[in-house]
């Protein structure tokens, strides 16, 4: 499908691809926790075989999105930034001193698998208590279902057709936006989990800005307000350091594709 799309667009000089999982510096998808059975897939070699005269760049999708937000999005102008994508899982892209941080093997930015509770729920990666088990869309859904089970006649359950077990994250954000106190409490709890990971990242990377992307950010201030509030009390020496803005990404679902295209263009010979 990608090859057909490239050919349909006409002459091109570079191809960029962002994919979930651990992508090494050679463009090989080593493993993807949420893509069972995909192991050591040489994506770049396959594309080069089809497009031998093009520059080809393959990278992690959230890493690509981070580069896009740094170059033309919410973090434009910042030399040090972290993008966190909050969706079914959590991905990330780290910009340090104006450069994309990829690590020794290309695996940097797998922030969703930072363990925040060793006794927590199992993660598809094989560990327990990864940050994305608590601070992703699935984490929000779990919190919302717990609250709905305790309040089976509340707005969240109503939005799910009266079935507390069918409650999802979007029901929590919608009910919170309407002022439901139970849903607001869920968002406050969820915001603390998000802020916990952001504080850890801030302590490690000392960014100028933290950018939140992914589907959950569409909730707007219902999400951002409790995250910002909790973050202030969790980051190291909060009152004694310059404030770190926590903002919504601006490129939406296109961010990964834009970043992949930008990275591919940089691979192109001058």
Protein backbone atom coordinates (compact mmCIF):
# COMPACT_ATOMS: atom_id res chain seq x y z
CA UNK A 1 0.00 0.00 0.00
CA UNK A 2 2.81 2.42 0.89
CA UNK A 3 4.63 1.69 -2.38
CA UNK A 4 1.47 2.30 -4.40
CA UNK A 5 0.89 5.58 -2.56
CA UNK A 6 4.44 6.79 -3.17
CA UNK A 7 4.19 5.97 -6.87
CA UNK A 8 0.83 7.71 -7.14
CA UNK A 9 2.31 10.92 -5.72
CA UNK A 10 4.79 11.14 -8.55
CA UNK A 11 8.53 11.92 -8.35
CA UNK A 12 9.91 11.88 -4.82
CA UNK A 13 13.38 11.93 -3.32
CA UNK A 14 12.79 10.37 0.10
CA UNK A 15 10.46 8.02 1.97
CA UNK A 16 9.84 8.20 5.71
CA UNK A 17 7.98 5.66 7.81
CA UNK A 18 7.02 5.72 11.47
CA UNK A 19 6.03 2.44 13.11
CA UNK A 20 5.23 1.33 16.67
CA UNK A 21 7.88 -0.62 18.54
CA UNK A 22 11.65 -0.77 18.88
CA UNK A 23 13.17 0.39 15.60
CA UNK A 24 16.96 0.22 15.46
CA UNK A 25 19.28 2.65 13.70
CA UNK A 26 19.31 0.43 10.60
CA UNK A 27 15.52 0.66 10.24
CA UNK A 28 14.75 -2.83 11.53
CA UNK A 29 11.63 -3.23 13.66
CA UNK A 30 13.06 -5.48 16.35
CA UNK A 31 9.90 -6.02 18.38
CA UNK A 32 6.58 -4.30 19.00
CA UNK A 33 4.76 -5.18 22.25
CA UNK A 34 1.39 -4.32 20.73
CA UNK A 35 2.06 -6.12 17.43
CA UNK A 36 2.41 -9.77 18.47
CA UNK A 37 4.50 -11.90 16.14
CA UNK A 38 6.32 -9.01 14.48
CA UNK A 39 10.02 -9.60 15.18
CA UNK A 40 13.16 -8.40 13.35
CA UNK A 41 11.26 -7.00 10.39
CA UNK A 42 13.69 -5.11 8.14
CA UNK A 43 11.34 -2.36 7.04
CA UNK A 44 14.04 -0.11 5.59
CA UNK A 45 15.58 -2.88 3.46
CA UNK A 46 12.19 -3.71 2.02
CA UNK A 47 11.59 -0.09 1.06
CA UNK A 48 15.09 0.32 -0.41
CA UNK A 49 14.49 -2.73 -2.59
CA UNK A 50 11.40 -1.07 -3.99
CA UNK A 51 12.84 2.46 -4.14
CA UNK A 52 16.61 2.01 -4.62
CA UNK A 53 17.27 5.62 -5.61
CA UNK A 54 15.50 7.23 -2.68
CA UNK A 55 16.61 8.19 0.80
CA UNK A 56 14.69 6.02 3.27
CA UNK A 57 14.19 6.63 6.98
CA UNK A 58 12.31 4.28 9.31
CA UNK A 59 11.81 5.17 12.96
CA UNK A 60 9.47 4.75 15.88
CA UNK A 61 6.17 6.54 15.25
CA UNK A 62 6.20 8.55 18.49
CA UNK A 63 9.82 9.53 17.88
CA UNK A 64 8.75 10.84 14.49
CA UNK A 65 5.86 12.72 16.08
CA UNK A 66 8.22 14.26 18.62
CA UNK A 67 10.47 15.56 15.87
CA UNK A 68 7.49 17.01 14.02
CA UNK A 69 6.23 18.86 17.09
CA UNK A 70 9.75 20.17 17.73
CA UNK A 71 10.27 21.38 14.19
CA UNK A 72 6.84 22.69 13.15
CA UNK A 73 4.45 22.09 16.05
CA UNK A 74 3.87 22.90 19.71
CA UNK A 75 7.58 22.75 20.69
CA UNK A 76 8.86 24.78 17.76
CA UNK A 77 11.76 26.94 18.88
CA UNK A 78 12.60 24.78 21.91
CA UNK A 79 15.98 23.08 22.01
CA UNK A 80 14.94 20.66 24.77
CA UNK A 81 11.50 19.09 24.73
CA UNK A 82 9.67 15.85 25.39
CA UNK A 83 6.59 14.70 23.49
CA UNK A 84 4.36 12.15 25.22
CA UNK A 85 1.68 10.46 23.12
CA UNK A 86 -1.26 9.29 25.21
CA UNK A 87 -3.30 6.72 23.33
CA UNK A 88 -3.91 3.00 23.79
CA UNK A 89 -0.34 2.98 25.11
CA UNK A 90 2.25 5.71 25.65
CA UNK A 91 5.03 6.67 23.27
CA UNK A 92 7.56 9.43 23.35
CA UNK A 93 10.04 11.56 21.52
CA UNK A 94 12.89 13.38 23.23
CA UNK A 95 14.68 16.43 21.86
CA UNK A 96 17.95 17.29 23.61
CA UNK A 97 20.05 20.32 22.68
CA UNK A 98 18.18 20.59 19.41
CA UNK A 99 18.80 16.98 18.41
CA UNK A 100 16.52 13.97 18.32
CA UNK A 101 17.61 11.58 21.06
CA UNK A 102 17.72 8.06 19.62
CA UNK A 103 20.12 6.25 21.95
CA UNK A 104 22.87 3.76 21.16
CA UNK A 105 20.56 1.43 19.25
CA UNK A 106 17.73 3.75 18.24
CA UNK A 107 15.46 2.60 21.06
CA UNK A 108 15.32 5.81 23.13
CA UNK A 109 11.91 7.26 23.90
CA UNK A 110 10.10 4.12 25.08
CA UNK A 111 8.82 6.11 28.02
CA UNK A 112 5.56 4.19 28.35
CA UNK A 113 7.52 1.22 29.68
CA UNK A 114 9.04 3.14 32.56
CA UNK A 115 7.96 1.06 35.57
CA UNK A 116 6.10 3.16 38.14
CA UNK A 117 4.64 0.32 40.22
CA UNK A 118 6.53 -3.02 40.27
CA UNK A 119 3.44 -4.70 41.70
CA UNK A 120 1.11 -3.19 39.14
CA UNK A 121 -0.83 -4.83 36.31
CA UNK A 122 0.97 -6.83 33.62
CA UNK A 123 2.00 -5.06 30.44
CA UNK A 124 2.22 -6.57 26.93
CA UNK A 125 5.97 -5.89 27.07
CA UNK A 126 6.34 -8.58 29.76
CA UNK A 127 6.92 -6.28 32.75
CA UNK A 128 4.47 -5.22 35.44
CA UNK A 129 3.41 -1.73 36.39
CA UNK A 130 4.58 0.16 33.31
CA UNK A 131 3.52 3.80 33.21
CA UNK A 132 1.28 3.16 30.22
CA UNK A 133 -0.81 0.70 32.24
CA UNK A 134 -1.92 3.67 34.37
CA UNK A 135 -1.62 6.79 32.23
CA UNK A 136 -2.82 5.66 28.78
CA UNK A 137 -6.32 5.41 27.37
CA UNK A 138 -6.59 1.88 28.73
CA UNK A 139 -5.51 3.14 32.15
CA UNK A 140 -8.17 5.84 32.12
CA UNK A 141 -10.76 3.29 31.06
CA UNK A 142 -9.87 1.03 33.99
CA UNK A 143 -10.21 3.91 36.47
CA UNK A 144 -13.51 4.94 34.91
CA UNK A 145 -14.96 1.43 35.11
CA UNK A 146 -14.01 1.14 38.77
CA UNK A 147 -15.76 4.42 39.52
CA UNK A 148 -18.79 3.52 37.42
CA UNK A 149 -19.16 0.20 39.23
CA UNK A 150 -19.37 2.14 42.50
CA UNK A 151 -21.86 4.61 40.96
CA UNK A 152 -23.85 2.45 38.50
CA UNK A 153 -26.54 5.08 37.96
CA UNK A 154 -24.18 7.96 37.30
CA UNK A 155 -23.46 9.84 34.06
CA UNK A 156 -20.50 7.67 33.02
CA UNK A 157 -22.58 4.49 33.12
CA UNK A 158 -25.44 6.30 31.39
CA UNK A 159 -23.14 7.31 28.55
CA UNK A 160 -22.14 3.65 28.19
CA UNK A 161 -25.73 2.51 27.84
CA UNK A 162 -26.19 1.75 31.53
CA UNK A 163 -23.42 -0.86 31.61
CA UNK A 164 -20.60 0.05 34.01
CA UNK A 165 -18.36 -2.61 32.44
CA UNK A 166 -18.72 -0.88 29.05
CA UNK A 167 -17.43 2.45 30.33
CA UNK A 168 -14.39 3.77 28.46
CA UNK A 169 -12.11 6.74 28.82
CA UNK A 170 -14.17 8.89 26.48
CA UNK A 171 -17.18 8.46 28.77
CA UNK A 172 -15.13 9.74 31.70
CA UNK A 173 -13.89 12.80 29.81
CA UNK A 174 -17.38 13.60 28.50
CA UNK A 175 -18.97 13.30 31.95
CA UNK A 176 -16.18 15.35 33.50
CA UNK A 177 -16.67 18.07 30.89
CA UNK A 178 -20.32 18.22 32.01
CA UNK A 179 -19.25 18.65 35.63
CA UNK A 180 -19.98 15.18 37.03
CA UNK A 181 -18.08 15.02 40.34
CA UNK A 182 -17.36 11.29 40.05
CA UNK A 183 -15.88 11.72 36.58
CA UNK A 184 -13.91 14.76 37.74
CA UNK A 185 -12.44 12.64 40.53
CA UNK A 186 -11.49 10.00 37.96
CA UNK A 187 -9.74 12.64 35.86
CA UNK A 188 -7.93 13.97 38.93
CA UNK A 189 -6.68 10.48 39.74
CA UNK A 190 -5.70 9.89 36.13
CA UNK A 191 -4.01 13.29 35.98
CA UNK A 192 -1.78 12.30 38.91
CA UNK A 193 -0.63 9.17 37.06
CA UNK A 194 0.15 11.18 33.94
CA UNK A 195 1.94 13.84 35.99
CA UNK A 196 3.99 11.23 37.85
CA UNK A 197 5.60 10.06 34.62
CA UNK A 198 6.01 13.61 33.34
CA UNK A 199 7.78 14.58 36.56
CA UNK A 200 10.17 11.66 36.17
CA UNK A 201 10.90 12.74 32.60
CA UNK A 202 11.40 16.35 33.66
CA UNK A 203 13.80 15.27 36.39
CA UNK A 204 15.84 13.29 33.87
CA UNK A 205 15.81 15.53 30.79
CA UNK A 206 15.13 19.04 32.18
CA UNK A 207 13.07 20.08 29.13
CA UNK A 208 11.87 23.57 28.29
CA UNK A 209 8.44 22.19 27.43
CA UNK A 210 6.38 19.02 27.75
CA UNK A 211 4.01 18.31 24.86
CA UNK A 212 1.10 15.91 25.22
CA UNK A 213 -0.20 14.28 22.05
CA UNK A 214 -2.35 11.31 21.16
CA UNK A 215 -6.09 10.83 21.21
CA UNK A 216 -6.59 11.62 24.89
CA UNK A 217 -5.44 15.21 24.42
CA UNK A 218 -8.67 15.90 22.55
CA UNK A 219 -10.24 16.10 26.03
CA UNK A 220 -8.55 19.50 26.42
CA UNK A 221 -8.52 21.14 29.84
CA UNK A 222 -10.46 18.24 31.37
CA UNK A 223 -7.14 16.40 31.07
CA UNK A 224 -4.57 19.19 31.08
CA UNK A 225 -5.79 20.99 34.20
CA UNK A 226 -5.42 18.05 36.64
CA UNK A 227 -2.14 17.02 35.00
CA UNK A 228 -0.65 20.49 35.44
CA UNK A 229 -1.92 20.73 39.00
CA UNK A 230 -0.42 17.38 40.04
CA UNK A 231 2.83 17.97 38.16
CA UNK A 232 3.64 21.08 40.16
CA UNK A 233 3.85 19.01 43.34
CA UNK A 234 5.70 16.05 41.84
CA UNK A 235 8.58 17.52 39.87
CA UNK A 236 11.83 17.90 41.78
CA UNK A 237 12.25 21.33 43.43
CA UNK A 238 9.20 22.69 41.64
CA UNK A 239 9.19 26.10 43.39
CA UNK A 240 12.90 26.59 42.72
CA UNK A 241 13.09 25.88 38.99
CA UNK A 242 11.65 27.69 35.97
CA UNK A 243 8.14 26.43 35.21
CA UNK A 244 7.85 23.78 32.53
CA UNK A 245 4.81 24.38 30.32
CA UNK A 246 2.63 21.33 29.67
CA UNK A 247 0.84 21.92 26.38
CA UNK A 248 -1.26 20.02 23.88
CA UNK A 249 0.34 18.91 20.62
CA UNK A 250 -0.82 20.85 17.57
CA UNK A 251 -0.27 18.43 14.68
CA UNK A 252 -2.83 15.80 15.68
CA UNK A 253 -2.84 12.42 13.97
CA UNK A 254 -0.56 13.74 11.22
CA UNK A 255 2.38 14.28 13.57
CA UNK A 256 4.01 10.89 13.00
CA UNK A 257 3.73 11.16 9.22
CA UNK A 258 5.05 14.72 9.22
CA UNK A 259 7.99 13.76 11.42
CA UNK A 260 8.81 10.74 9.28
CA UNK A 261 8.80 12.92 6.18
CA UNK A 262 11.05 15.50 7.85
CA UNK A 263 13.51 12.83 8.97
CA UNK A 264 13.54 11.25 5.54
CA UNK A 265 14.29 14.62 3.98
CA UNK A 266 17.27 14.98 6.27
CA UNK A 267 18.56 11.61 5.04
CA UNK A 268 18.57 12.93 1.47
CA UNK A 269 22.01 13.78 0.08
CA UNK A 270 22.69 17.52 -0.13
